[in-house]
C-alpha atoms as a PDB file:
ATOM      1  CA  MET A   1       0.000   0.000   0.000  1.00  0.00           C
ATOM      2  CA  PRO A   2       1.761   3.231  -1.138  1.00  0.00           C
ATOM      3  CA  ARG A   3       2.242   5.781   1.638  1.00  0.00           C
ATOM      4  CA  VAL A   4       1.348   9.424   1.026  1.00  0.00           C
ATOM      5  CA  LEU A   5       2.295  12.303   3.319  1.00  0.00           C
ATOM      6  CA  ILE A   6       0.228  15.506   3.256  1.00  0.00           C
ATOM      7  CA  VAL A   7       1.886  18.601   4.752  1.00  0.00           C
ATOM      8  CA  ASP A   8      -0.908  21.172   5.024  1.00  0.00           C
ATOM      9  CA  GLU A   9      -2.695  23.119   7.782  1.00  0.00           C
ATOM     10  CA  ASP A  10      -5.984  23.261   5.830  1.00  0.00           C
ATOM     11  CA  VAL A  11      -7.992  20.752   7.879  1.00  0.00           C
ATOM     12  CA  ASP A  12     -11.017  20.619   5.575  1.00  0.00           C
ATOM     13  CA  THR A  13      -8.981  20.002   2.424  1.00  0.00           C
ATOM     14  CA  THR A  14      -6.659  17.447   3.999  1.00  0.00           C
ATOM     15  CA  SER A  15      -9.441  15.418   5.634  1.00  0.00           C
ATOM     16  CA  ARG A  16     -11.423  15.170   2.379  1.00  0.00           C
ATOM     17  CA  LEU A  17      -8.283  14.298   0.448  1.00  0.00           C
ATOM     18  CA  GLN A  18      -7.232  11.695   3.009  1.00  0.00           C
ATOM     19  CA  ASP A  19     -10.639   9.990   2.832  1.00  0.00           C
ATOM     20  CA  HIS A  20     -10.602   9.881  -0.964  1.00  0.00           C
ATOM     21  CA  LEU A  21      -7.007   8.669  -1.301  1.00  0.00           C
ATOM     22  CA  GLN A  22      -7.590   5.936   1.289  1.00  0.00           C
ATOM     23  CA  GLU A  23     -10.575   4.780  -0.731  1.00  0.00           C
ATOM     24  CA  GLN A  24      -8.194   4.552  -3.706  1.00  0.00           C
ATOM     25  CA  GLY A  25      -5.857   2.243  -1.798  1.00  0.00           C
ATOM     26  CA  TYR A  26      -3.244   4.634  -0.345  1.00  0.00           C
ATOM     27  CA  TRP A  27      -2.028   4.887   3.230  1.00  0.00           C
ATOM     28  CA  VAL A  28      -2.261   8.604   4.054  1.00  0.00           C
ATOM     29  CA  ASP A  29      -0.610  10.525   6.884  1.00  0.00           C
ATOM     30  CA  ILE A  30      -1.389  14.186   7.573  1.00  0.00           C
ATOM     31  CA  GLU A  31       1.311  16.357   9.120  1.00  0.00           C
ATOM     32  CA  PRO A  32       0.332  20.027   9.508  1.00  0.00           C
ATOM     33  CA  ALA A  33       3.734  20.884  10.967  1.00  0.00           C
ATOM     34  CA  GLY A  34       5.807  18.855   8.546  1.00  0.00           C
ATOM     35  CA  ALA A  35       8.971  20.936   8.835  1.00  0.00           C
ATOM     36  CA  ARG A  36       9.265  20.232  12.560  1.00  0.00           C
ATOM     37  CA  ARG A  37       9.925  16.548  11.981  1.00  0.00           C
ATOM     38  CA  MET A  38      11.201  16.732   8.400  1.00  0.00           C
ATOM     39  CA  ARG A  39      14.689  15.397   8.986  1.00  0.00           C
ATOM     40  CA  ALA A  40      13.495  12.664  11.308  1.00  0.00           C
ATOM     41  CA  GLU A  41      10.642  11.179   9.348  1.00  0.00           C
ATOM     42  CA  LEU A  42       9.820  12.927   6.082  1.00  0.00           C
ATOM     43  CA  PHE A  43      12.077  10.710   3.987  1.00  0.00           C
ATOM     44  CA  GLY A  44      11.142   7.404   5.569  1.00  0.00           C
ATOM     45  CA  GLY A  45       9.043   5.283   3.258  1.00  0.00           C
ATOM     46  CA  TYR A  46       6.677   7.810   1.676  1.00  0.00           C
ATOM     47  CA  ALA A  47       5.973   7.284  -2.010  1.00  0.00           C
ATOM     48  CA  ILE A  48       4.463  10.749  -2.602  1.00  0.00           C
ATOM     49  CA  LEU A  49       4.539  14.062  -0.733  1.00  0.00           C
ATOM     50  CA  ILE A  50       1.604  16.482  -1.127  1.00  0.00           C
ATOM     51  CA  MET A  51       2.430  19.871   0.340  1.00  0.00           C
ATOM     52  CA  GLU A  52       1.052  23.361   0.744  1.00  0.00           C
ATOM     53  CA  VAL A  53       3.570  26.201   0.433  1.00  0.00           C
ATOM     54  CA  MET A  54       1.438  28.580   2.530  1.00  0.00           C
ATOM     55  CA  LEU A  55       2.403  27.467   6.036  1.00  0.00           C
ATOM     56  CA  SER A  56       2.147  29.510   9.241  1.00  0.00           C
ATOM     57  CA  TYR A  57       5.405  28.292  10.756  1.00  0.00           C
ATOM     58  CA  MET A  58       7.697  28.256   7.716  1.00  0.00           C
ATOM     59  CA  ASP A  59       8.001  29.389   4.114  1.00  0.00           C
ATOM     60  CA  GLY A  60       6.798  26.381   2.151  1.00  0.00           C
ATOM     61  CA  PHE A  61       9.202  27.120  -0.687  1.00  0.00           C
ATOM     62  CA  GLU A  62      12.068  26.941   1.810  1.00  0.00           C
ATOM     63  CA  LEU A  63      10.726  23.605   3.020  1.00  0.00           C
ATOM     64  CA  LEU A  64      10.694  22.371  -0.578  1.00  0.00           C
ATOM     65  CA  ARG A  65      14.249  23.592  -1.120  1.00  0.00           C
ATOM     66  CA  GLN A  66      15.464  21.788   1.996  1.00  0.00           C
ATOM     67  CA  LEU A  67      13.609  18.662   0.975  1.00  0.00           C
ATOM     68  CA  ARG A  68      15.313  18.607  -2.404  1.00  0.00           C
ATOM     69  CA  ASP A  69      18.698  18.819  -0.696  1.00  0.00           C
ATOM     70  CA  HIS A  70      18.025  15.430   0.877  1.00  0.00           C
ATOM     71  CA  SER A  71      15.404  13.516  -1.095  1.00  0.00           C
ATOM     72  CA  ALA A  72      14.038  12.857  -4.585  1.00  0.00           C
ATOM     73  CA  VAL A  73      10.580  11.837  -3.319  1.00  0.00           C
ATOM     74  CA  PRO A  74       7.911  12.955  -5.835  1.00  0.00           C
ATOM     75  CA  VAL A  75       6.313  16.223  -4.688  1.00  0.00           C
ATOM     76  CA  LEU A  76       2.862  17.506  -5.601  1.00  0.00           C
ATOM     77  CA  VAL A  77       2.365  21.124  -4.504  1.00  0.00           C
ATOM     78  CA  LEU A  78      -1.304  21.737  -3.647  1.00  0.00           C
ATOM     79  CA  THR A  79      -1.789  25.415  -2.864  1.00  0.00           C
ATOM     80  CA  SER A  80      -3.827  28.596  -3.095  1.00  0.00           C
ATOM     81  CA  ARG A  81      -0.789  30.533  -4.345  1.00  0.00           C
ATOM     82  CA  GLY A  82      -1.627  30.604  -8.032  1.00  0.00           C
ATOM     83  CA  GLU A  83       0.441  33.462  -9.412  1.00  0.00           C
ATOM     84  CA  GLU A  84       2.685  32.493 -12.312  1.00  0.00           C
ATOM     85  CA  GLY A  85       5.770  33.482 -10.323  1.00  0.00           C
ATOM     86  CA  ASP A  86       4.756  31.144  -7.474  1.00  0.00           C
ATOM     87  CA  ARG A  87       4.165  28.228  -9.849  1.00  0.00           C
ATOM     88  CA  ILE A  88       7.508  28.788 -11.548  1.00  0.00           C
ATOM     89  CA  ALA A  89       9.242  29.070  -8.165  1.00  0.00           C
ATOM     90  CA  GLY A  90       7.754  25.758  -7.046  1.00  0.00           C
ATOM     91  CA  LEU A  91       8.835  23.976 -10.208  1.00  0.00           C
ATOM     92  CA  GLU A  92      12.270  25.590 -10.103  1.00  0.00           C
ATOM     93  CA  LEU A  93      12.750  24.276  -6.569  1.00  0.00           C
ATOM     94  CA  GLY A  94      11.942  20.744  -7.680  1.00  0.00           C
ATOM     95  CA  ALA A  95       8.174  20.203  -7.444  1.00  0.00           C
ATOM     96  CA  ASP A  96       6.982  17.509  -9.852  1.00  0.00           C
ATOM     97  CA  ASP A  97       3.459  18.885 -10.170  1.00  0.00           C
ATOM     98  CA  TYR A  98       1.551  22.004  -9.057  1.00  0.00           C
ATOM     99  CA  VAL A  99      -2.215  22.018  -8.424  1.00  0.00           C
ATOM    100  CA  LEU A 100      -4.245  25.065  -7.409  1.00  0.00           C
ATOM    101  CA  LYS A 101      -6.946  25.124  -4.740  1.00  0.00           C
ATOM    102  CA  PRO A 102      -9.844  24.816  -4.796  1.00  0.00           C
ATOM    103  CA  CYS A 103      -9.745  21.461  -6.560  1.00  0.00           C
ATOM    104  CA  SER A 104     -11.533  18.165  -6.207  1.00  0.00           C
ATOM    105  CA  PRO A 105     -10.028  15.151  -4.407  1.00  0.00           C
ATOM    106  CA  ARG A 106     -10.586  13.213  -7.645  1.00  0.00           C
ATOM    107  CA  GLU A 107      -8.270  15.554  -9.556  1.00  0.00           C
ATOM    108  CA  VAL A 108      -5.574  15.292  -6.901  1.00  0.00           C
ATOM    109  CA  ALA A 109      -5.913  11.501  -6.854  1.00  0.00           C
ATOM    110  CA  ALA A 110      -5.504  11.430 -10.637  1.00  0.00           C
ATOM    111  CA  ARG A 111      -2.328  13.538 -10.350  1.00  0.00           C
ATOM    112  CA  VAL A 112      -1.037  11.198  -7.637  1.00  0.00           C
ATOM    113  CA  ARG A 113      -1.667   8.143  -9.835  1.00  0.00           C
ATOM    114  CA  ALA A 114       0.161   9.805 -12.727  1.00  0.00           C
ATOM    115  CA  LEU A 115       3.111  10.621 -10.459  1.00  0.00           C
ATOM    116  CA  MET A 116       3.188   7.037  -9.204  1.00  0.00           C
ATOM    117  CA  ARG A 117       3.240   5.640 -12.751  1.00  0.00           C
ATOM    118  CA  ARG A 118       6.082   7.940 -13.776  1.00  0.00           C
ATOM    119  CA  SER A 119       8.081   7.609 -10.603  1.00  0.00           C
ATOM    120  CA  TYR A 120       7.759   3.893  -9.935  1.00  0.00           C
ATOM    121  CA  PRO A 121       7.494   2.081 -13.299  1.00  0.00           C
ATOM    122  CA  SER A 122       6.762  -1.646 -13.344  1.00  0.00           C
ATOM    123  CA  PRO A 123       9.891  -3.789 -13.735  1.00  0.00           C
ATOM    124  CA  ALA A 124      10.558  -4.749 -17.332  1.00  0.00           C
ATOM    125  CA  GLN A 125      10.760  -8.397 -18.365  1.00  0.00           C
ATOM    126  CA  GLY A 126      14.256  -9.669 -19.140  1.00  0.00           C
ATOM    127  CA  GLY A 127      17.353  -7.551 -18.625  1.00  0.00           C
ATOM    128  CA  PRO A 128      17.188  -3.876 -17.664  1.00  0.00           C
ATOM    129  CA  GLU A 129      16.641  -1.455 -20.540  1.00  0.00           C
ATOM    130  CA  VAL A 130      19.485   0.964 -21.214  1.00  0.00           C
ATOM    131  CA  LEU A 131      19.103   4.164 -23.248  1.00  0.00           C
ATOM    132  CA  LYS A 132      22.261   5.826 -24.507  1.00  0.00           C
ATOM    133  CA  SER A 133      23.223   8.839 -26.583  1.00  0.00           C
ATOM    134  CA  GLY A 134      26.873   9.855 -26.665  1.00  0.00           C
ATOM    135  CA  ARG A 135      27.997  10.467 -23.086  1.00  0.00           C
ATOM    136  CA  LEU A 136      24.448  10.280 -21.665  1.00  0.00           C
ATOM    137  CA  THR A 137      23.180   6.933 -20.327  1.00  0.00           C
ATOM    138  CA  MET A 138      19.834   6.171 -18.683  1.00  0.00           C
ATOM    139  CA  TRP A 139      18.430   3.092 -16.968  1.00  0.00           C
ATOM    140  CA  PRO A 140      14.659   3.848 -17.030  1.00  0.00           C
ATOM    141  CA  ALA A 141      13.536   1.088 -14.643  1.00  0.00           C
ATOM    142  CA  GLN A 142      15.996   2.349 -12.022  1.00  0.00           C
ATOM    143  CA  GLN A 143      15.441   6.016 -12.835  1.00  0.00           C
ATOM    144  CA  ARG A 144      19.214   6.425 -12.987  1.00  0.00           C
ATOM    145  CA  VAL A 145      21.045   8.751 -15.352  1.00  0.00           C
ATOM    146  CA  GLU A 146      24.766   9.177 -15.913  1.00  0.00           C
ATOM    147  CA  TRP A 147      26.308  12.119 -17.753  1.00  0.00           C
ATOM    148  CA  LEU A 148      30.057  11.998 -18.379  1.00  0.00           C
ATOM    149  CA  GLY A 149      30.158   9.020 -16.022  1.00  0.00           C
ATOM    150  CA  VAL A 150      28.601  10.942 -13.118  1.00  0.00           C
ATOM    151  CA  THR A 151      25.179  10.020 -11.719  1.00  0.00           C
ATOM    152  CA  LEU A 152      22.812  12.982 -11.916  1.00  0.00           C
ATOM    153  CA  LYS A 153      20.396  13.898  -9.145  1.00  0.00           C
ATOM    154  CA  LEU A 154      17.102  14.590 -10.935  1.00  0.00           C
ATOM    155  CA  THR A 155      13.509  15.020  -9.840  1.00  0.00           C
ATOM    156  CA  HIS A 156      10.964  12.549 -11.162  1.00  0.00           C
ATOM    157  CA  ALA A 157       9.574  15.133 -13.575  1.00  0.00           C
ATOM    158  CA  GLU A 158      13.086  15.763 -14.915  1.00  0.00           C
ATOM    159  CA  TYR A 159      13.652  12.026 -15.356  1.00  0.00           C
ATOM    160  CA  GLY A 160      10.421  11.764 -17.325  1.00  0.00           C
ATOM    161  CA  LEU A 161      11.240  14.647 -19.648  1.00  0.00           C
ATOM    162  CA  LEU A 162      14.783  13.460 -20.226  1.00  0.00           C
ATOM    163  CA  GLU A 163      13.597   9.945 -21.002  1.00  0.00           C
ATOM    164  CA  VAL A 164      11.169  11.197 -23.662  1.00  0.00           C
ATOM    165  CA  LEU A 165      13.850  13.401 -25.219  1.00  0.00           C
ATOM    166  CA  LEU A 166      16.417  10.582 -25.090  1.00  0.00           C
ATOM    167  CA  ARG A 167      14.048   8.164 -26.812  1.00  0.00           C
ATOM    168  CA  ASN A 168      13.667  10.785 -29.562  1.00  0.00           C
ATOM    169  CA  THR A 169      17.324  11.896 -29.806  1.00  0.00           C
ATOM    170  CA  GLY A 170      17.855  14.219 -32.746  1.00  0.00           C
ATOM    171  CA  ARG A 171      14.111  14.713 -33.292  1.00  0.00           C
ATOM    172  CA  PRO A 172      12.045  17.602 -31.914  1.00  0.00           C
ATOM    173  CA  VAL A 173       9.313  16.811 -29.401  1.00  0.00           C
ATOM    174  CA  SER A 174       6.525  19.352 -28.961  1.00  0.00           C
ATOM    175  CA  LYS A 175       5.815  20.826 -25.544  1.00  0.00           C
ATOM    176  CA  ALA A 176       2.318  19.344 -25.714  1.00  0.00           C
ATOM    177  CA  ASP A 177       3.719  15.837 -26.283  1.00  0.00           C
ATOM    178  CA  LEU A 178       6.336  16.305 -23.567  1.00  0.00           C
ATOM    179  CA  SER A 179       3.687  17.380 -21.071  1.00  0.00           C
ATOM    180  CA  LEU A 180       1.320  14.533 -21.925  1.00  0.00           C
ATOM    181  CA  THR A 181       3.968  11.792 -22.126  1.00  0.00           C
ATOM    182  CA  ALA A 182       6.414  12.851 -19.423  1.00  0.00           C
ATOM    183  CA  LEU A 183       4.166  14.676 -16.940  1.00  0.00           C
ATOM    184  CA  GLY A 184       0.911  12.816 -17.576  1.00  0.00           C
ATOM    185  CA  ARG A 185      -1.224  15.879 -18.219  1.00  0.00           C
ATOM    186  CA  SER A 186      -2.272  18.144 -21.066  1.00  0.00           C
ATOM    187  CA  LEU A 187      -0.322  21.354 -21.517  1.00  0.00           C
ATOM    188  CA  GLY A 188      -2.204  24.479 -20.471  1.00  0.00           C
ATOM    189  CA  ARG A 189      -2.302  27.339 -22.936  1.00  0.00           C
ATOM    190  CA  THR A 190      -0.154  29.579 -20.758  1.00  0.00           C
ATOM    191  CA  SER A 191       1.744  26.927 -18.804  1.00  0.00           C
ATOM    192  CA  ARG A 192       5.516  27.283 -18.581  1.00  0.00           C
ATOM    193  CA  SER A 193       6.096  24.084 -16.614  1.00  0.00           C
ATOM    194  CA  ILE A 194       7.945  22.355 -19.476  1.00  0.00           C
ATOM    195  CA  ASP A 195      10.252  25.354 -19.945  1.00  0.00           C
ATOM    196  CA  VAL A 196      11.031  25.432 -16.222  1.00  0.00           C
ATOM    197  CA  HIS A 197      11.821  21.716 -16.016  1.00  0.00           C
ATOM    198  CA  VAL A 198      13.969  21.889 -19.170  1.00  0.00           C
ATOM    199  CA  SER A 199      15.843  24.877 -17.757  1.00  0.00           C
ATOM    200  CA  ARG A 200      16.697  22.849 -14.641  1.00  0.00           C
ATOM    201  CA  LEU A 201      17.778  19.903 -16.773  1.00  0.00           C
ATOM    202  CA  ARG A 202      20.055  22.100 -18.856  1.00  0.00           C
ATOM    203  CA  ARG A 203      21.787  23.414 -15.752  1.00  0.00           C
ATOM    204  CA  LYS A 204      22.381  19.898 -14.480  1.00  0.00           C
ATOM    205  CA  LEU A 205      23.639  18.598 -17.829  1.00  0.00           C
ATOM    206  CA  GLY A 206      25.814  21.576 -18.681  1.00  0.00           C
ATOM    207  CA  ASP A 207      26.931  22.054 -22.280  1.00  0.00           C
ATOM    208  CA  VAL A 208      28.441  19.808 -24.917  1.00  0.00           C
ATOM    209  CA  THR A 209      32.007  20.517 -26.026  1.00  0.00           C
ATOM    210  CA  ASP A 210      31.128  23.247 -28.526  1.00  0.00           C
ATOM    211  CA  GLU A 211      29.166  25.093 -25.807  1.00  0.00           C
ATOM    212  CA  ARG A 212      25.738  24.305 -27.239  1.00  0.00           C
ATOM    213  CA  PRO A 213      23.122  23.169 -24.730  1.00  0.00           C
ATOM    214  CA  LEU A 214      22.542  19.420 -24.947  1.00  0.00           C
ATOM    215  CA  ILE A 215      18.792  20.130 -24.976  1.00  0.00           C
ATOM    216  CA  GLN A 216      17.942  22.624 -27.692  1.00  0.00           C
ATOM    217  CA  ALA A 217      14.793  24.647 -28.214  1.00  0.00           C
ATOM    218  CA  VAL A 218      13.208  24.165 -31.629  1.00  0.00           C
ATOM    219  CA  HIS A 219      11.265  27.225 -32.783  1.00  0.00           C
ATOM    220  CA  LEU A 220       7.519  26.538 -32.602  1.00  0.00           C
ATOM    221  CA  ASN A 221       8.234  22.841 -32.105  1.00  0.00           C
ATOM    222  CA  GLY A 222       9.331  22.204 -28.534  1.00  0.00           C
ATOM    223  CA  TYR A 223      12.718  20.729 -27.647  1.00  0.00           C
ATOM    224  CA  GLN A 224      15.157  18.126 -28.864  1.00  0.00           C
ATOM    225  CA  LEU A 225      18.142  16.274 -27.437  1.00  0.00           C
ATOM    226  CA  LEU A 226      21.248  16.706 -29.572  1.00  0.00           C
ATOM    227  CA  ALA A 227      22.780  13.584 -31.051  1.00  0.00           C
ATOM    228  CA  GLU A 228      26.471  13.823 -30.196  1.00  0.00           C
END
């Protein structure tokens, strides 16, 4: 039974969400003061973290930043802070998904299921699949990536995007296809989530030898991974 931790002081929202997720087969813990026990327990066995960034005792974005220093657990930000700058900040700090309140428990449960599918894929039959392009190697079942022989620390959303781009090396992939395939949701008309995740990936990958970004923007056609 996958364990979900909800860090939120909104009692009404969390209780309704807990009831619905438990009906869907999840074990759900609610921790209004998540930061107070973060180091002790937050990383122990939870498959998904759902968190509000509007907390009375701590800046939720700071909590997310600290979390990403220690853990790659998938994070769904569920919040009333809906300004574009807040959404971009959450994604920049490593959130895998960002949902605005008010929303239905069914929508959140669907986002959780999508995160679970992307983050914990079923083991493949036979030997482990290996994807490779030049100096970039990925083991999808293990969600492990090596660049120049060094293992990269990526969020689950970044893994998903990089896997789609790697499977299409040298070919452009539209933002709409990246969002649907890698993030499990349709791309909103004004959403910049793909751009934010790609920007983080670029920083972690650095440049190829001629100083071009390994992931290139294709005008009016999304992004592509360069074939070295």
